[in-house]
PDB file of N, CA and C in Angstrom:
ATOM      1  N   MET A   1     193.301  90.381  71.143  1.00  0.00           N
ATOM      2  CA  MET A   1     193.641  90.626  69.839  1.00  0.00           C
ATOM      3  C   MET A   1     194.934  90.777  70.041  1.00  0.00           C
ATOM      4  N   GLN A   2     195.812  90.182  69.445  1.00  0.00           N
ATOM      5  CA  GLN A   2     197.268  90.078  69.692  1.00  0.00           C
ATOM      6  C   GLN A   2     198.565  91.135  68.445  1.00  0.00           C
ATOM      7  N   ILE A   3     198.978  91.905  69.416  1.00  0.00           N
ATOM      8  CA  ILE A   3     199.907  93.093  68.364  1.00  0.00           C
ATOM      9  C   ILE A   3     201.539  92.282  69.059  1.00  0.00           C
ATOM     10  N   THR A   4     202.449  92.641  68.030  1.00  0.00           N
ATOM     11  CA  THR A   4     203.613  92.266  68.450  1.00  0.00           C
ATOM     12  C   THR A   4     204.143  93.649  68.365  1.00  0.00           C
ATOM     13  N   LEU A   5     204.234  94.199  69.485  1.00  0.00           N
ATOM     14  CA  LEU A   5     204.804  95.498  70.149  1.00  0.00           C
ATOM     15  C   LEU A   5     206.401  95.370  70.602  1.00  0.00           C
ATOM     16  N   ASN A   6     207.347  95.851  70.103  1.00  0.00           N
ATOM     17  CA  ASN A   6     208.906  96.441  70.141  1.00  0.00           C
ATOM     18  C   ASN A   6     209.227  94.532  70.142  1.00  0.00           C
ATOM     19  N   GLY A   7     209.571  93.943  68.826  1.00  0.00           N
ATOM     20  CA  GLY A   7     209.264  92.469  69.153  1.00  0.00           C
ATOM     21  C   GLY A   7     208.545  91.343  69.933  1.00  0.00           C
ATOM     22  N   GLU A   8     207.866  91.927  70.727  1.00  0.00           N
ATOM     23  CA  GLU A   8     207.045  90.980  71.350  1.00  0.00           C
ATOM     24  C   GLU A   8     205.833  90.874  71.471  1.00  0.00           C
ATOM     25  N   LEU A   9     204.972  90.273  71.492  1.00  0.00           N
ATOM     26  CA  LEU A   9     204.360  89.525  70.944  1.00  0.00           C
ATOM     27  C   LEU A   9     203.164  89.899  72.565  1.00  0.00           C
ATOM     28  N   GLN A  10     201.837  90.625  72.741  1.00  0.00           N
ATOM     29  CA  GLN A  10     200.637  91.064  73.322  1.00  0.00           C
ATOM     30  C   GLN A  10     199.726  90.957  72.941  1.00  0.00           C
ATOM     31  N   ALA A  11     198.960  91.069  73.842  1.00  0.00           N
ATOM     32  CA  ALA A  11     197.342  91.189  73.629  1.00  0.00           C
ATOM     33  C   ALA A  11     196.939  92.103  74.276  1.00  0.00           C
ATOM     34  N   VAL A  12     196.285  93.057  73.209  1.00  0.00           N
ATOM     35  CA  VAL A  12     195.799  94.266  73.564  1.00  0.00           C
ATOM     36  C   VAL A  12     193.772  93.926  73.645  1.00  0.00           C
ATOM     37  N   PRO A  13     193.529  94.737  74.418  1.00  0.00           N
ATOM     38  CA  PRO A  13     191.771  95.579  73.507  1.00  0.00           C
ATOM     39  C   PRO A  13     191.622  95.610  72.470  1.00  0.00           C
ATOM     40  N   GLU A  14     189.867  95.027  72.344  1.00  0.00           N
ATOM     41  CA  GLU A  14     190.401  95.295  70.525  1.00  0.00           C
ATOM     42  C   GLU A  14     189.509  96.908  70.586  1.00  0.00           C
ATOM     43  N   GLY A  15     189.384  97.757  68.963  1.00  0.00           N
ATOM     44  CA  GLY A  15     189.231  98.841  69.631  1.00  0.00           C
ATOM     45  C   GLY A  15     189.908 100.116  69.466  1.00  0.00           C
ATOM     46  N   LEU A  16     191.512  99.635  69.868  1.00  0.00           N
ATOM     47  CA  LEU A  16     191.682 101.041  70.242  1.00  0.00           C
ATOM     48  C   LEU A  16     192.664 100.938  69.539  1.00  0.00           C
ATOM     49  N   SER A  17     192.742 102.998  69.047  1.00  0.00           N
ATOM     50  CA  SER A  17     193.633 103.060  67.673  1.00  0.00           C
ATOM     51  C   SER A  17     194.869 103.561  68.236  1.00  0.00           C
ATOM     52  N   VAL A  18     195.779 104.148  67.827  1.00  0.00           N
ATOM     53  CA  VAL A  18     197.017 103.707  68.143  1.00  0.00           C
ATOM     54  C   VAL A  18     197.306 104.674  69.683  1.00  0.00           C
ATOM     55  N   ALA A  19     196.632 106.220  69.877  1.00  0.00           N
ATOM     56  CA  ALA A  19     196.611 106.609  70.496  1.00  0.00           C
ATOM     57  C   ALA A  19     195.633 105.999  72.060  1.00  0.00           C
ATOM     58  N   GLY A  20     195.273 105.053  72.364  1.00  0.00           N
ATOM     59  CA  GLY A  20     194.661 104.775  72.558  1.00  0.00           C
ATOM     60  C   GLY A  20     195.342 103.006  73.365  1.00  0.00           C
ATOM     61  N   LEU A  21     195.974 102.748  72.298  1.00  0.00           N
ATOM     62  CA  LEU A  21     197.013 101.719  72.716  1.00  0.00           C
ATOM     63  C   LEU A  21     198.800 102.321  73.616  1.00  0.00           C
ATOM     64  N   LEU A  22     198.363 103.746  73.620  1.00  0.00           N
ATOM     65  CA  LEU A  22     199.629 104.910  74.246  1.00  0.00           C
ATOM     66  C   LEU A  22     198.742 104.581  75.466  1.00  0.00           C
ATOM     67  N   ARG A  23     197.808 105.767  74.985  1.00  0.00           N
ATOM     68  CA  ARG A  23     197.182 105.202  77.050  1.00  0.00           C
ATOM     69  C   ARG A  23     197.140 104.215  77.413  1.00  0.00           C
ATOM     70  N   GLU A  24     196.537 103.488  76.740  1.00  0.00           N
ATOM     71  CA  GLU A  24     196.787 100.467  77.766  1.00  0.00           C
ATOM     72  C   GLU A  24     198.038 101.406  77.538  1.00  0.00           C
ATOM     73  N   LEU A  25     198.811 101.441  77.397  1.00  0.00           N
ATOM     74  CA  LEU A  25     200.030 101.601  78.151  1.00  0.00           C
ATOM     75  C   LEU A  25     201.248 102.014  78.423  1.00  0.00           C
ATOM     76  N   ASP A  26     199.913 103.116  78.646  1.00  0.00           N
ATOM     77  CA  ASP A  26     200.839 104.443  79.580  1.00  0.00           C
ATOM     78  C   ASP A  26     201.941 104.721  79.735  1.00  0.00           C
ATOM     79  N   ILE A  27     201.787 106.060  78.073  1.00  0.00           N
ATOM     80  CA  ILE A  27     203.410 105.800  77.341  1.00  0.00           C
ATOM     81  C   ILE A  27     202.345 107.742  76.792  1.00  0.00           C
ATOM     82  N   ALA A  28     203.331 108.563  77.694  1.00  0.00           N
ATOM     83  CA  ALA A  28     202.739 109.573  76.717  1.00  0.00           C
ATOM     84  C   ALA A  28     202.884 110.328  74.954  1.00  0.00           C
ATOM     85  N   ALA A  29     202.142 110.638  74.353  1.00  0.00           N
ATOM     86  CA  ALA A  29     202.784 110.120  73.047  1.00  0.00           C
ATOM     87  C   ALA A  29     203.305 111.080  72.647  1.00  0.00           C
ATOM     88  N   ARG A  30     203.249 112.387  73.342  1.00  0.00           N
ATOM     89  CA  ARG A  30     205.049 113.190  72.880  1.00  0.00           C
ATOM     90  C   ARG A  30     205.944 113.037  73.440  1.00  0.00           C
ATOM     91  N   LYS A  31     206.314 111.696  73.716  1.00  0.00           N
ATOM     92  CA  LYS A  31     207.502 111.876  73.834  1.00  0.00           C
ATOM     93  C   LYS A  31     208.112 110.557  73.230  1.00  0.00           C
ATOM     94  N   VAL A  32     207.025 109.632  72.147  1.00  0.00           N
ATOM     95  CA  VAL A  32     207.310 108.992  71.172  1.00  0.00           C
ATOM     96  C   VAL A  32     207.475 109.186  69.673  1.00  0.00           C
ATOM     97  N   ALA A  33     207.756 107.951  69.269  1.00  0.00           N
ATOM     98  CA  ALA A  33     207.400 107.520  67.458  1.00  0.00           C
ATOM     99  C   ALA A  33     206.728 106.644  67.517  1.00  0.00           C
ATOM    100  N   VAL A  34     206.304 106.432  66.301  1.00  0.00           N
ATOM    101  CA  VAL A  34     205.347 105.492  66.602  1.00  0.00           C
ATOM    102  C   VAL A  34     205.817 104.869  65.052  1.00  0.00           C
ATOM    103  N   GLU A  35     205.926 103.031  64.837  1.00  0.00           N
ATOM    104  CA  GLU A  35     205.776 103.109  63.658  1.00  0.00           C
ATOM    105  C   GLU A  35     205.320 101.649  63.597  1.00  0.00           C
ATOM    106  N   ARG A  36     204.069 102.203  62.786  1.00  0.00           N
ATOM    107  CA  ARG A  36     202.728 100.903  62.457  1.00  0.00           C
ATOM    108  C   ARG A  36     203.144  99.712  60.748  1.00  0.00           C
ATOM    109  N   ASN A  37     203.331  98.389  60.723  1.00  0.00           N
ATOM    110  CA  ASN A  37     203.611  97.843  59.835  1.00  0.00           C
ATOM    111  C   ASN A  37     204.352  98.550  59.221  1.00  0.00           C
ATOM    112  N   LEU A  38     205.366  98.669  59.736  1.00  0.00           N
ATOM    113  CA  LEU A  38     206.558  99.290  58.550  1.00  0.00           C
ATOM    114  C   LEU A  38     206.461 100.444  58.292  1.00  0.00           C
ATOM    115  N   GLU A  39     205.977 101.418  58.387  1.00  0.00           N
ATOM    116  CA  GLU A  39     205.646 102.809  58.366  1.00  0.00           C
ATOM    117  C   GLU A  39     204.940 103.511  59.891  1.00  0.00           C
ATOM    118  N   ILE A  40     205.719 104.688  59.820  1.00  0.00           N
ATOM    119  CA  ILE A  40     206.000 106.069  60.755  1.00  0.00           C
ATOM    120  C   ILE A  40     204.405 106.828  60.683  1.00  0.00           C
ATOM    121  N   VAL A  41     203.475 106.537  62.005  1.00  0.00           N
ATOM    122  CA  VAL A  41     202.732 107.037  62.296  1.00  0.00           C
ATOM    123  C   VAL A  41     202.676 108.625  62.733  1.00  0.00           C
ATOM    124  N   PRO A  42     202.456 109.088  61.549  1.00  0.00           N
ATOM    125  CA  PRO A  42     201.623 111.132  62.378  1.00  0.00           C
ATOM    126  C   PRO A  42     201.716 111.113  62.899  1.00  0.00           C
ATOM    127  N   LYS A  43     201.907 111.433  64.510  1.00  0.00           N
ATOM    128  CA  LYS A  43     201.308 111.975  65.718  1.00  0.00           C
ATOM    129  C   LYS A  43     199.358 112.677  64.894  1.00  0.00           C
ATOM    130  N   SER A  44     199.468 113.707  64.101  1.00  0.00           N
ATOM    131  CA  SER A  44     197.918 113.961  63.833  1.00  0.00           C
ATOM    132  C   SER A  44     196.813 112.974  63.504  1.00  0.00           C
ATOM    133  N   ALA A  45     197.479 111.569  63.509  1.00  0.00           N
ATOM    134  CA  ALA A  45     196.957 110.791  63.010  1.00  0.00           C
ATOM    135  C   ALA A  45     196.333 109.250  64.120  1.00  0.00           C
ATOM    136  N   TYR A  46     196.914 110.064  64.907  1.00  0.00           N
ATOM    137  CA  TYR A  46     197.333 108.714  66.104  1.00  0.00           C
ATOM    138  C   TYR A  46     195.666 108.270  66.827  1.00  0.00           C
ATOM    139  N   GLU A  47     195.345 109.622  66.810  1.00  0.00           N
ATOM    140  CA  GLU A  47     194.003 109.020  66.552  1.00  0.00           C
ATOM    141  C   GLU A  47     192.890 108.180  66.285  1.00  0.00           C
ATOM    142  N   THR A  48     193.392 108.925  65.171  1.00  0.00           N
ATOM    143  CA  THR A  48     191.993 107.438  64.194  1.00  0.00           C
ATOM    144  C   THR A  48     193.041 106.440  62.850  1.00  0.00           C
ATOM    145  N   THR A  49     194.499 106.547  63.609  1.00  0.00           N
ATOM    146  CA  THR A  49     194.480 104.766  63.010  1.00  0.00           C
ATOM    147  C   THR A  49     194.929 103.981  63.905  1.00  0.00           C
ATOM    148  N   PRO A  50     193.639 103.006  63.449  1.00  0.00           N
ATOM    149  CA  PRO A  50     193.699 101.172  64.355  1.00  0.00           C
ATOM    150  C   PRO A  50     194.733 100.996  64.810  1.00  0.00           C
ATOM    151  N   VAL A  51     194.570 100.279  66.053  1.00  0.00           N
ATOM    152  CA  VAL A  51     195.231  98.634  65.941  1.00  0.00           C
ATOM    153  C   VAL A  51     194.320  97.541  65.421  1.00  0.00           C
ATOM    154  N   GLU A  52     194.781  96.713  64.583  1.00  0.00           N
ATOM    155  CA  GLU A  52     193.651  96.377  64.855  1.00  0.00           C
ATOM    156  C   GLU A  52     195.137  94.767  64.025  1.00  0.00           C
ATOM    157  N   ASP A  53     194.251  93.550  64.481  1.00  0.00           N
ATOM    158  CA  ASP A  53     195.058  92.259  65.171  1.00  0.00           C
ATOM    159  C   ASP A  53     196.113  91.821  63.796  1.00  0.00           C
ATOM    160  N   GLY A  54     197.224  91.260  64.756  1.00  0.00           N
ATOM    161  CA  GLY A  54     198.797  91.123  63.882  1.00  0.00           C
ATOM    162  C   GLY A  54     199.367  92.562  63.326  1.00  0.00           C
ATOM    163  N   ASP A  55     199.100  93.967  63.802  1.00  0.00           N
ATOM    164  CA  ASP A  55     199.560  94.309  63.684  1.00  0.00           C
ATOM    165  C   ASP A  55     201.037  94.967  64.524  1.00  0.00           C
ATOM    166  N   ARG A  56     202.426  95.213  63.825  1.00  0.00           N
ATOM    167  CA  ARG A  56     203.757  95.355  64.756  1.00  0.00           C
ATOM    168  C   ARG A  56     203.729  96.402  64.783  1.00  0.00           C
ATOM    169  N   PHE A  57     204.516  96.934  66.248  1.00  0.00           N
ATOM    170  CA  PHE A  57     204.710  98.286  65.881  1.00  0.00           C
ATOM    171  C   PHE A  57     206.094  98.102  67.024  1.00  0.00           C
ATOM    172  N   GLU A  58     206.650  99.179  66.487  1.00  0.00           N
ATOM    173  CA  GLU A  58     207.752  99.919  67.389  1.00  0.00           C
ATOM    174  C   GLU A  58     207.539 101.666  67.874  1.00  0.00           C
ATOM    175  N   ILE A  59     207.796 101.384  69.219  1.00  0.00           N
ATOM    176  CA  ILE A  59     207.583 102.729  70.209  1.00  0.00           C
ATOM    177  C   ILE A  59     208.892 102.516  69.859  1.00  0.00           C
ATOM    178  N   VAL A  60     209.416 103.911  69.886  1.00  0.00           N
ATOM    179  CA  VAL A  60     210.415 104.471  70.451  1.00  0.00           C
ATOM    180  C   VAL A  60     210.795 106.155  71.277  1.00  0.00           C
ATOM    181  N   HIS A  61     211.728 105.284  72.025  1.00  0.00           N
ATOM    182  CA  HIS A  61     211.075 106.561  73.534  1.00  0.00           C
ATOM    183  C   HIS A  61     212.073 108.316  72.994  1.00  0.00           C
ATOM    184  N   PHE A  62     211.847 109.627  72.723  1.00  0.00           N
ATOM    185  CA  PHE A  62     212.486 110.441  72.978  1.00  0.00           C
ATOM    186  C   PHE A  62     213.096 109.767  74.268  1.00  0.00           C
ATOM    187  N   ILE A  63     215.087 110.649  74.147  1.00  0.00           N
ATOM    188  CA  ILE A  63     215.924 110.933  75.607  1.00  0.00           C
ATOM    189  C   ILE A  63     216.018 112.333  74.845  1.00  0.00           C
ATOM    190  N   GLY A  64     215.291 113.479  76.607  1.00  0.00           N
ATOM    191  CA  GLY A  64     216.161 114.449  76.950  1.00  0.00           C
ATOM    192  C   GLY A  64     218.039 114.099  77.732  1.00  0.00           C
ATOM    193  N   GLY A  65     218.146 115.112  76.653  1.00  0.00           N
ATOM    194  CA  GLY A  65     219.766 115.606  77.880  1.00  0.00           C
ATOM    195  C   GLY A  65     221.070 115.730  77.060  1.00  0.00           C
ATOM    196  N   GLY A  66     221.796 116.070  77.099  1.00  0.00           N
ATOM    197  CA  GLY A  66     222.923 116.175  76.660  1.00  0.00           C
ATOM    198  C   GLY A  66     222.830 118.285  76.938  1.00  0.00           C
ATOM    199  N   GLY A  67     223.892 118.614  76.716  1.00  0.00           N
ATOM    200  CA  GLY A  67     223.964 119.724  76.693  1.00  0.00           C
ATOM    201  C   GLY A  67     225.505 120.758  75.168  1.00  0.00           C
ATOM    202  N   ARG A  68     225.401 121.724  75.467  1.00  0.00           N
ATOM    203  CA  ARG A  68     226.310 122.037  74.071  1.00  0.00           C
ATOM    204  C   ARG A  68     227.446 122.274  74.472  1.00  0.00           C
ATOM    205  N   GLY A  69     228.256 121.552  74.283  1.00  0.00           N
ATOM    206  CA  GLY A  69     229.472 121.242  75.089  1.00  0.00           C
ATOM    207  C   GLY A  69     230.712 121.355  74.350  1.00  0.00           C
ATOM    208  N   ARG A  70     231.844 122.399  74.732  1.00  0.00           N
ATOM    209  CA  ARG A  70     232.682 122.232  73.629  1.00  0.00           C
ATOM    210  C   ARG A  70     233.396 121.233  72.875  1.00  0.00           C
ATOM    211  N   ARG A  71     234.183 121.411  71.491  1.00  0.00           N
ATOM    212  CA  ARG A  71     234.279 120.494  71.040  1.00  0.00           C
ATOM    213  C   ARG A  71     235.459 120.716  71.082  1.00  0.00           C
ATOM    214  N   GLU A  72     236.483 119.861  70.596  1.00  0.00           N
ATOM    215  CA  GLU A  72     238.074 119.649  71.013  1.00  0.00           C
ATOM    216  C   GLU A  72     238.522 120.205  70.124  1.00  0.00           C
ATOM    217  N   SER A  73     237.756 121.270  68.938  1.00  0.00           N
ATOM    218  CA  SER A  73     238.558 121.597  67.876  1.00  0.00           C
ATOM    219  C   SER A  73     238.344 123.427  68.448  1.00  0.00           C
ATOM    220  N   ASP A  74     237.458 124.021  69.517  1.00  0.00           N
ATOM    221  CA  ASP A  74     237.430 124.402  70.201  1.00  0.00           C
ATOM    222  C   ASP A  74     237.991 125.761  70.436  1.00  0.00           C
TER     223      ASP A  74
END
């Protein structure tokens, strides 16, 4: 089956949930936000939300870092 993932066509196995898709892509679910067909998928629904032929996904990775630096006004 074909989906669009971050703007690129990709073939994936049938019968996946969003959680299964993330496992298939080797992506840690706790470090991403998933949008399916322009709607955010809550993490609590990853296991029960199906991946269907033609779906459009945007997966955004959270990146940690930064620090508590001083502002110029401090």
